[in-house]
Amino acid sequence: MPLTAAQVRYIGLLGSRRKRALLFRMLEAEGFPKTSTNRIITPVGLDIGSITPEEIAISIVAQLIKERRENAGTDIGSPSCCGIVDENGTDKTAPSPV
């Protein structure tokens, strides 16, 4: 079952240009529309001149925070994510932060 934009708000790819090209060719062959594959962020992470694995991790988390802030709802009391998906693929409500 393909995931919808409402279910997945951020998809980032960490890998080489070659891996990216292979993935996009495979997705195209599988029938994924360009509107879906264009949502994949590659390379993942903000460009902060990362070199070490730790710096790369920080750049990715920074990009996640940036995306979350830019796409946050206007209700301050709303949860920061849209929910949790069980390992069987069923949506369930995220617990309230307490």
Protein backbone atom coordinates (compact mmCIF):
# COMPACT_ATOMS: atom_id res chain seq x y z
CA MET A 1 0.00 0.00 0.00
CA PRO A 2 1.60 3.31 -1.05
CA LEU A 3 1.98 5.95 1.60
CA THR A 4 0.20 9.24 1.06
CA ALA A 5 1.56 12.74 1.64
CA ALA A 6 -0.69 12.96 4.70
CA GLN A 7 0.92 9.86 6.21
CA VAL A 8 4.54 10.73 5.44
CA ARG A 9 5.61 14.35 5.67
CA TYR A 10 9.37 13.91 5.24
CA ILE A 11 11.46 11.41 3.30
CA GLY A 12 15.21 11.97 3.22
CA LEU A 13 17.85 9.94 1.45
CA LEU A 14 21.39 9.57 2.67
CA GLY A 15 23.64 8.15 0.00
CA SER A 16 25.67 8.70 -3.12
CA ARG A 17 24.47 10.22 -6.40
CA ARG A 18 24.67 6.73 -7.87
CA LYS A 19 22.41 5.27 -5.15
CA ARG A 20 19.95 8.15 -5.66
CA ALA A 21 19.85 7.57 -9.43
CA LEU A 22 19.30 3.82 -8.94
CA LEU A 23 16.51 4.39 -6.44
CA PHE A 24 14.69 6.92 -8.61
CA ARG A 25 14.92 4.61 -11.66
CA MET A 26 13.55 1.74 -9.60
CA LEU A 27 10.68 3.86 -8.24
CA GLU A 28 9.85 5.07 -11.75
CA ALA A 29 9.85 1.47 -13.03
CA GLU A 30 7.51 0.51 -10.19
CA GLY A 31 5.07 3.22 -11.31
CA PHE A 32 5.61 5.85 -8.65
CA PRO A 33 4.51 9.24 -9.99
CA LYS A 34 7.02 12.12 -10.19
CA THR A 35 4.89 14.02 -7.67
CA SER A 36 5.77 11.35 -5.11
CA THR A 37 9.45 10.94 -5.93
CA ASN A 38 9.97 14.72 -6.09
CA ARG A 39 9.13 14.81 -2.37
CA ILE A 40 12.25 12.80 -1.52
CA ILE A 41 14.86 15.12 -0.05
CA THR A 42 18.32 14.24 -1.28
CA PRO A 43 20.88 14.82 -0.07
CA VAL A 44 19.30 14.86 3.36
CA GLY A 45 20.41 17.43 5.93
CA LEU A 46 21.09 21.15 5.95
CA ASP A 47 24.28 22.27 4.24
CA ILE A 48 26.41 23.20 7.26
CA GLY A 49 29.65 21.82 5.89
CA SER A 50 29.29 18.51 7.73
CA ILE A 51 32.25 16.13 7.59
CA THR A 52 32.00 13.74 10.53
CA PRO A 53 29.11 11.32 11.12
CA GLU A 54 28.12 13.35 14.17
CA GLU A 55 27.95 16.56 12.13
CA ILE A 56 25.93 14.82 9.41
CA ALA A 57 23.49 13.60 12.08
CA ILE A 58 23.16 17.14 13.45
CA SER A 59 22.51 18.53 9.95
CA ILE A 60 19.74 15.93 9.42
CA VAL A 61 18.10 16.65 12.77
CA ALA A 62 18.34 20.38 12.04
CA GLN A 63 16.55 19.83 8.73
CA LEU A 64 13.84 17.80 10.49
CA ILE A 65 13.34 20.62 12.99
CA LYS A 66 13.23 23.19 10.16
CA GLU A 67 10.61 21.14 8.25
CA ARG A 68 8.55 20.63 11.40
CA ARG A 69 8.59 24.34 12.25
CA GLU A 70 7.78 25.43 8.68
CA ASN A 71 4.87 22.99 8.43
CA ALA A 72 3.53 23.26 11.98
CA GLY A 73 -0.14 24.00 12.53
CA THR A 74 -1.20 27.30 14.00
CA ASP A 75 -2.57 25.65 17.15
CA ILE A 76 0.20 25.74 19.73
CA GLY A 77 -1.49 22.97 21.70
CA SER A 78 -1.47 20.54 18.78
CA PRO A 79 0.96 17.60 18.80
CA SER A 80 4.12 18.03 16.76
CA CYS A 81 3.52 14.88 14.73
CA CYS A 82 0.48 13.47 12.99
CA GLY A 83 0.49 10.12 14.70
CA ILE A 84 2.08 6.74 15.10
CA VAL A 85 1.95 3.81 12.72
CA ASP A 86 2.05 0.31 14.22
CA GLU A 87 4.38 -2.30 12.75
CA ASN A 88 1.33 -3.75 10.95
CA GLY A 89 0.72 -0.38 9.22
CA THR A 90 -2.31 0.70 11.28
CA ASP A 91 -2.56 4.35 12.26
CA LYS A 92 -3.00 5.12 15.92
CA THR A 93 -3.16 8.36 17.86
CA ALA A 94 0.06 9.68 19.32
CA PRO A 95 0.09 9.86 23.11
CA SER A 96 -0.37 13.26 24.71
CA PRO A 97 2.88 14.83 25.89
CA VAL A 98 2.61 15.02 29.67
